[in-house]
Amino acid sequence: MRNEPIPAPRGKVLITGASGFVGRHLVEEYARNGWEIRAVVRSLGTCNLDRTKVSEIVEVPDIAEVLDWAPLVHGCSVVAHLAARAHQVQEAQDDGVVAFHRVNVAATANLALVAANANVRRFLFVSSSGVMGDASQKPWMEDDVPNPQSAYAKSKLMAEQKVQSIAFQSDMEYVILRPALVYGPGNPGNLARLIKLVGTGLPLPFKGIAGKRSMVNVNYLVQILVAASTLREATNQTYLVADGQDLTLSSIVQAFAEGLNVPVRLFNCPLSMLSLISNLVGKTAELQKLMGTFQISPQKLQCDFGIAPFLGAKESLAMTANSFRREINNG
């Protein structure tokens, strides 16, 4: 049976990271559902939000330097905290650890504490499924013990713990979401590079790769986030978020090719050879993320929210690739 959000008037939500990939879609979803939005962005100059859909846009170049969040959370019943620091290429490990703690842990704790003191009703924190580990023998579930490997994932788990601790000492509720690899129109990162590679029509050595990956469409993720703002069953809960249709790398490539309307040419290549090539070009970590097995179970999420993705994973991936066609053709 589907659980509906608590019947209540829509309020005001503070969204950090509102101009990012997920943030832009989240602004659209909150606006579609009648919320008043205060958007925190890194730069007003490069912000491409639809200003007719937000009541206020606030520039915060570095969330770790905000000394007082009180004016920003004032009047908000919900805080959706997306802003974070991701891994930086060619960054020293020690520098990364310090920076991750500063932005992902300390700044999150600062915001959560001020939100609790300002009587914010619910704090939504977007973490990462990477807190579970780098690979899976079986689909991870929420009651499995987290085992983060990277400095980024470790900082996200620490931030989760800070949010929980602050909420337990106040009347503020929390909902923590751990999304799988997020994709959708305009997605950055490894998937964007893979789409462009598929668009070349070149033969690709991914045919024999058996590892499956969980992913989540950005539109599904933001739908869950908005529902989490009011859903009673989600109170003080942590969820793994995925489409529920895990795919191999070859299936992902085939879906992208369909969306790009290009032929698919896949061939087998020994994993040892692929690893050697990726190591030579400095892309070992990126290739492992796409080739390896990493699955999470959305069973708890779908049970509590009663919301399923509108489209299947292959159809959604094809639509994502289709949105890149103009960029690829012009490139």
Protein backbone atom coordinates (compact mmCIF):
# COMPACT_ATOMS: atom_id res chain seq x y z
CA MET A 1 0.00 0.00 0.00
CA ARG A 2 1.36 3.39 -0.97
CA ASN A 3 2.11 5.80 1.86
CA GLU A 4 1.13 9.38 1.10
CA PRO A 5 2.86 12.45 2.56
CA ILE A 6 1.28 13.97 5.66
CA PRO A 7 -1.51 16.32 4.53
CA ALA A 8 -0.16 19.78 5.35
CA PRO A 9 0.31 23.13 3.68
CA ARG A 10 3.56 23.39 1.74
CA GLY A 11 6.17 25.51 3.50
CA LYS A 12 9.53 27.04 2.77
CA VAL A 13 12.58 24.92 2.00
CA LEU A 14 16.25 25.86 2.03
CA ILE A 15 18.22 24.02 -0.66
CA THR A 16 22.02 24.06 -0.52
CA GLY A 17 23.87 23.18 -3.71
CA ALA A 18 20.81 24.36 -5.62
CA SER A 19 22.72 25.16 -8.81
CA GLY A 20 24.36 21.73 -9.05
CA PHE A 21 23.22 18.81 -11.17
CA VAL A 22 20.83 17.35 -8.59
CA GLY A 23 20.04 20.75 -7.10
CA ARG A 24 18.64 22.19 -10.34
CA HIS A 25 16.27 19.25 -10.70
CA LEU A 26 15.31 19.48 -7.03
CA VAL A 27 14.36 23.14 -7.39
CA GLU A 28 12.06 22.18 -10.27
CA GLU A 29 10.45 19.37 -8.23
CA TYR A 30 9.86 21.49 -5.13
CA ALA A 31 8.41 24.28 -7.26
CA ARG A 32 6.13 21.79 -9.02
CA ASN A 33 4.83 20.71 -5.62
CA GLY A 34 4.06 24.22 -4.41
CA TRP A 35 6.98 24.89 -2.06
CA GLU A 36 8.56 28.28 -1.45
CA ILE A 37 12.26 27.94 -2.21
CA ARG A 38 15.33 29.68 -0.83
CA ALA A 39 18.24 28.51 -2.98
CA VAL A 40 21.87 28.58 -1.88
CA VAL A 41 24.27 28.67 -4.84
CA ARG A 42 28.02 28.98 -5.18
CA SER A 43 27.93 31.85 -7.67
CA LEU A 44 25.16 34.16 -8.79
CA GLY A 45 27.09 34.88 -11.98
CA THR A 46 27.03 31.27 -13.16
CA CYS A 47 23.73 30.29 -11.59
CA ASN A 48 21.29 29.07 -14.24
CA LEU A 49 18.22 28.52 -12.07
CA ASP A 50 14.80 29.57 -13.29
CA ARG A 51 14.35 32.60 -11.05
CA THR A 52 10.59 32.53 -11.45
CA LYS A 53 10.57 29.29 -9.43
CA VAL A 54 12.53 30.47 -6.40
CA SER A 55 11.65 33.15 -3.89
CA GLU A 56 15.27 33.90 -3.05
CA ILE A 57 18.74 33.03 -4.31
CA VAL A 58 21.68 33.44 -1.92
CA GLU A 59 25.31 33.30 -3.02
CA VAL A 60 27.58 31.26 -0.73
CA PRO A 61 30.96 30.64 -2.41
CA ASP A 62 32.14 28.34 0.40
CA ILE A 63 29.66 26.76 2.81
CA ALA A 64 32.49 26.02 5.25
CA GLU A 65 32.99 29.76 5.75
CA VAL A 66 29.40 30.50 6.76
CA LEU A 67 29.60 31.62 10.38
CA ASP A 68 25.88 32.00 10.92
CA TRP A 69 23.27 30.04 8.99
CA ALA A 70 20.44 31.51 11.06
CA PRO A 71 19.32 34.13 8.50
CA LEU A 72 19.27 31.47 5.79
CA VAL A 73 17.26 28.86 7.69
CA HIS A 74 14.88 31.45 9.19
CA GLY A 75 11.28 30.63 8.30
CA CYS A 76 12.15 27.28 6.69
CA SER A 77 10.38 24.12 7.77
CA VAL A 78 12.72 21.91 5.72
CA VAL A 79 16.42 22.03 4.86
CA ALA A 80 17.61 19.95 1.90
CA HIS A 81 21.40 19.79 2.17
CA LEU A 82 23.03 18.81 -1.13
CA ALA A 83 26.15 20.99 -1.17
CA ALA A 84 29.33 18.96 -0.72
CA ARG A 85 32.89 18.61 -1.83
CA ALA A 86 33.57 15.82 -4.29
CA HIS A 87 36.90 14.15 -5.05
CA GLN A 88 39.40 16.34 -6.87
CA VAL A 89 41.64 14.76 -9.50
CA GLN A 90 45.40 14.80 -8.75
CA GLU A 91 44.87 15.97 -5.19
CA ALA A 92 47.15 14.88 -2.38
CA GLN A 93 45.44 12.41 -0.05
CA ASP A 94 46.16 14.45 3.09
CA ASP A 95 44.88 17.65 1.51
CA GLY A 96 41.73 15.84 0.43
CA VAL A 97 41.03 14.49 3.92
CA VAL A 98 41.27 17.94 5.47
CA ALA A 99 39.12 19.56 2.80
CA PHE A 100 36.48 16.84 2.92
CA HIS A 101 36.19 17.19 6.69
CA ARG A 102 35.98 20.96 6.48
CA VAL A 103 33.18 21.05 3.90
CA ASN A 104 31.36 17.73 4.17
CA VAL A 105 31.52 17.21 7.93
CA ALA A 106 32.08 20.48 9.80
CA ALA A 107 29.90 22.64 7.53
CA THR A 108 27.10 20.05 7.55
CA ALA A 109 27.19 19.87 11.35
CA ASN A 110 27.16 23.67 11.59
CA LEU A 111 24.12 23.92 9.33
CA ALA A 112 22.27 21.10 11.09
CA LEU A 113 22.87 22.62 14.53
CA VAL A 114 21.60 26.04 13.47
CA ALA A 115 18.61 24.42 11.77
CA ALA A 116 17.73 22.53 14.95
CA ASN A 117 17.99 25.70 17.04
CA ALA A 118 15.80 27.54 14.52
CA ASN A 119 13.03 24.93 14.87
CA VAL A 120 13.44 23.54 11.36
CA ARG A 121 11.11 20.54 11.30
CA ARG A 122 13.07 18.22 9.00
CA PHE A 123 16.67 18.06 7.77
CA LEU A 124 17.25 16.13 4.53
CA PHE A 125 20.85 15.07 3.99
CA VAL A 126 22.06 13.68 0.68
CA SER A 127 24.90 11.33 1.49
CA SER A 128 26.30 8.62 -0.82
CA SER A 129 25.91 4.89 -1.29
CA GLY A 130 29.72 4.89 -1.28
CA VAL A 131 29.59 4.83 2.53
CA MET A 132 28.80 1.11 2.18
CA GLY A 133 32.08 0.38 0.40
CA ASP A 134 33.59 0.22 -3.08
CA ALA A 135 32.10 -3.13 -4.15
CA SER A 136 29.39 -5.57 -3.14
CA GLN A 137 29.10 -9.34 -2.91
CA LYS A 138 25.33 -8.96 -2.67
CA PRO A 139 23.12 -5.86 -2.82
CA TRP A 140 23.83 -3.66 0.18
CA MET A 141 20.96 -3.00 2.57
CA GLU A 142 20.50 -0.32 5.23
CA ASP A 143 21.25 -2.68 8.12
CA ASP A 144 24.62 -3.68 6.66
CA VAL A 145 27.64 -2.15 8.40
CA PRO A 146 29.08 0.77 6.39
CA ASN A 147 32.66 0.34 5.20
CA PRO A 148 33.68 3.52 3.36
CA GLN A 149 37.02 3.33 1.58
CA SER A 150 37.63 6.79 0.11
CA ALA A 151 38.16 10.02 2.03
CA TYR A 152 35.01 11.37 0.41
CA ALA A 153 32.86 8.43 1.52
CA LYS A 154 34.32 8.52 5.02
CA SER A 155 33.47 12.21 5.31
CA LYS A 156 29.90 11.52 4.21
CA LEU A 157 29.44 8.85 6.87
CA MET A 158 30.85 11.17 9.52
CA ALA A 159 28.43 13.88 8.37
CA GLU A 160 25.53 11.44 8.67
CA GLN A 161 26.53 10.72 12.25
CA LYS A 162 26.72 14.44 13.05
CA VAL A 163 23.23 15.03 11.65
CA GLN A 164 21.80 12.11 13.61
CA SER A 165 23.43 13.23 16.85
CA ILE A 166 22.14 16.80 16.51
CA ALA A 167 18.63 15.61 15.63
CA PHE A 168 18.48 13.21 18.59
CA GLN A 169 19.31 16.09 20.94
CA SER A 170 16.56 18.32 19.52
CA ASP A 171 13.07 18.19 18.09
CA MET A 172 14.37 18.27 14.51
CA GLU A 173 13.76 15.19 12.37
CA TYR A 174 16.20 13.93 9.77
CA VAL A 175 16.10 11.82 6.61
CA ILE A 176 19.38 10.56 5.14
CA LEU A 177 19.50 9.44 1.53
CA ARG A 178 22.39 7.39 0.12
CA PRO A 179 21.93 7.51 -3.66
CA ALA A 180 23.69 5.24 -6.12
CA LEU A 181 25.37 6.73 -9.19
CA VAL A 182 23.03 9.52 -10.32
CA TYR A 183 22.30 10.00 -14.00
CA GLY A 184 20.02 12.11 -16.13
CA PRO A 185 20.02 14.99 -18.62
CA GLY A 186 23.08 17.14 -18.06
CA ASN A 187 24.86 14.67 -15.77
CA PRO A 188 28.58 15.31 -15.30
CA GLY A 189 31.41 12.90 -14.60
CA ASN A 190 32.12 9.38 -15.80
CA LEU A 191 28.75 8.78 -17.45
CA ALA A 192 29.01 11.96 -19.50
CA ARG A 193 32.43 10.87 -20.74
CA LEU A 194 31.09 7.41 -21.53
CA ILE A 195 28.19 8.87 -23.51
CA LYS A 196 30.61 10.90 -25.61
CA LEU A 197 32.77 7.81 -26.15
CA VAL A 198 29.77 5.77 -27.29
CA GLY A 199 28.82 8.62 -29.60
CA THR A 200 32.06 8.19 -31.56
CA GLY A 201 30.81 4.82 -32.83
CA LEU A 202 34.17 3.23 -32.05
CA PRO A 203 34.32 -0.45 -31.03
CA LEU A 204 34.47 -0.71 -27.25
CA PRO A 205 36.03 -3.54 -25.19
CA PHE A 206 33.19 -3.96 -22.70
CA LYS A 207 31.38 -7.06 -23.96
CA GLY A 208 32.63 -9.55 -21.38
CA ILE A 209 32.28 -7.39 -18.26
CA ALA A 210 29.79 -9.07 -15.94
CA GLY A 211 29.75 -6.64 -13.02
CA LYS A 212 26.44 -4.92 -12.34
CA ARG A 213 25.89 -1.43 -11.00
CA SER A 214 22.99 0.22 -9.25
CA MET A 215 22.08 3.68 -10.50
CA VAL A 216 19.34 6.22 -9.94
CA ASN A 217 17.70 8.64 -12.32
CA VAL A 218 17.94 12.21 -11.06
CA ASN A 219 14.21 12.75 -11.57
CA TYR A 220 13.43 9.78 -9.32
CA LEU A 221 15.91 10.97 -6.70
CA VAL A 222 14.38 14.45 -6.44
CA GLN A 223 10.89 12.97 -6.33
CA ILE A 224 12.00 10.95 -3.31
CA LEU A 225 13.61 14.00 -1.72
CA VAL A 226 10.46 16.10 -1.97
CA ALA A 227 8.33 13.25 -0.62
CA ALA A 228 10.83 12.83 2.23
CA SER A 229 10.05 16.39 3.31
CA THR A 230 6.72 15.28 4.79
CA LEU A 231 6.48 11.50 4.77
CA ARG A 232 5.79 10.24 8.30
CA GLU A 233 7.38 6.83 7.68
CA ALA A 234 10.66 8.50 6.71
CA THR A 235 11.12 10.21 10.07
CA ASN A 236 14.69 9.68 11.33
CA GLN A 237 15.38 7.04 8.68
CA THR A 238 18.29 6.30 6.35
CA TYR A 239 17.66 5.02 2.82
CA LEU A 240 19.69 3.57 -0.03
CA VAL A 241 18.32 5.05 -3.25
CA ALA A 242 18.44 3.27 -6.64
CA ASP A 243 16.20 2.57 -9.62
CA GLY A 244 16.14 -1.10 -8.74
CA GLN A 245 17.25 -2.27 -12.20
CA ASP A 246 20.99 -2.94 -12.02
CA LEU A 247 22.85 -3.13 -15.33
CA THR A 248 26.16 -4.33 -16.71
CA LEU A 249 28.47 -1.90 -18.46
CA SER A 250 27.57 -3.40 -21.85
CA SER A 251 23.86 -2.86 -21.15
CA ILE A 252 24.55 0.75 -20.21
CA VAL A 253 26.51 1.26 -23.43
CA GLN A 254 23.72 -0.29 -25.48
CA ALA A 255 21.16 2.03 -23.87
CA PHE A 256 23.35 5.05 -24.59
CA ALA A 257 23.83 3.96 -28.20
CA GLU A 258 20.08 3.68 -28.63
CA GLY A 259 19.59 7.20 -27.32
CA LEU A 260 22.35 8.52 -29.58
CA ASN A 261 21.12 6.53 -32.58
CA VAL A 262 24.55 5.08 -33.23
CA PRO A 263 25.56 1.44 -33.79
CA VAL A 264 26.82 -0.65 -30.90
CA ARG A 265 30.09 -2.46 -31.45
CA LEU A 266 31.33 -4.31 -28.40
CA PHE A 267 34.13 -6.87 -28.19
CA ASN A 268 35.73 -8.94 -25.46
CA CYS A 269 38.98 -7.82 -23.88
CA PRO A 270 40.74 -9.47 -20.93
CA LEU A 271 40.20 -7.53 -17.72
CA SER A 272 43.95 -7.54 -17.13
CA MET A 273 44.45 -5.73 -20.45
CA LEU A 274 41.72 -3.20 -19.65
CA SER A 275 43.29 -2.54 -16.26
CA LEU A 276 46.70 -2.04 -17.86
CA ILE A 277 45.33 0.43 -20.42
CA SER A 278 43.38 2.37 -17.81
CA ASN A 279 46.45 2.52 -15.58
CA LEU A 280 48.57 3.90 -18.41
CA VAL A 281 46.11 6.72 -19.09
CA GLY A 282 45.48 7.40 -15.41
CA LYS A 283 41.84 6.27 -15.44
CA THR A 284 42.02 3.16 -13.27
CA ALA A 285 39.60 4.37 -10.59
CA GLU A 286 37.08 5.62 -13.14
CA LEU A 287 37.09 2.36 -15.09
CA GLN A 288 36.77 0.27 -11.94
CA LYS A 289 33.69 2.25 -10.91
CA LEU A 290 31.96 1.35 -14.16
CA MET A 291 33.24 -2.24 -14.49
CA GLY A 292 32.96 -3.49 -10.93
CA THR A 293 29.92 -4.83 -9.11
CA PHE A 294 28.22 -2.37 -6.83
CA GLN A 295 24.59 -3.04 -6.01
CA ILE A 296 22.28 -1.60 -3.38
CA SER A 297 18.76 -2.65 -2.53
CA PRO A 298 15.97 -0.02 -2.70
CA GLN A 299 13.53 -2.39 -0.95
CA LYS A 300 13.15 -0.28 2.21
CA LEU A 301 12.82 2.91 0.16
CA GLN A 302 10.09 1.55 -2.09
CA CYS A 303 8.25 0.02 0.85
CA ASP A 304 8.11 3.26 2.85
CA PHE A 305 7.61 5.69 -0.03
CA GLY A 306 5.54 3.57 -2.38
CA ILE A 307 7.10 5.39 -5.34
CA ALA A 308 8.64 3.54 -8.28
CA PRO A 309 10.62 5.04 -11.18
CA PHE A 310 8.39 6.20 -14.02
CA LEU A 311 10.62 4.57 -16.65
CA GLY A 312 12.88 1.54 -16.69
CA ALA A 313 16.63 2.08 -16.32
CA LYS A 314 17.42 1.35 -19.99
CA GLU A 315 14.75 3.77 -21.23
CA SER A 316 15.96 6.46 -18.82
CA LEU A 317 19.58 5.97 -19.87
CA ALA A 318 18.61 6.21 -23.53
CA MET A 319 16.81 9.49 -22.85
CA THR A 320 19.85 10.76 -20.97
CA ALA A 321 22.11 10.02 -23.92
CA ASN A 322 19.62 11.59 -26.30
CA SER A 323 19.92 14.86 -24.36
CA PHE A 324 23.67 14.83 -25.15
CA ARG A 325 23.27 14.38 -28.91
CA ARG A 326 23.52 18.07 -29.79
CA GLU A 327 26.60 18.55 -27.64
CA ILE A 328 28.30 15.51 -29.17
CA ASN A 329 27.41 16.54 -32.72
CA ASN A 330 28.81 20.02 -32.10
CA GLY A 331 31.92 18.69 -30.41
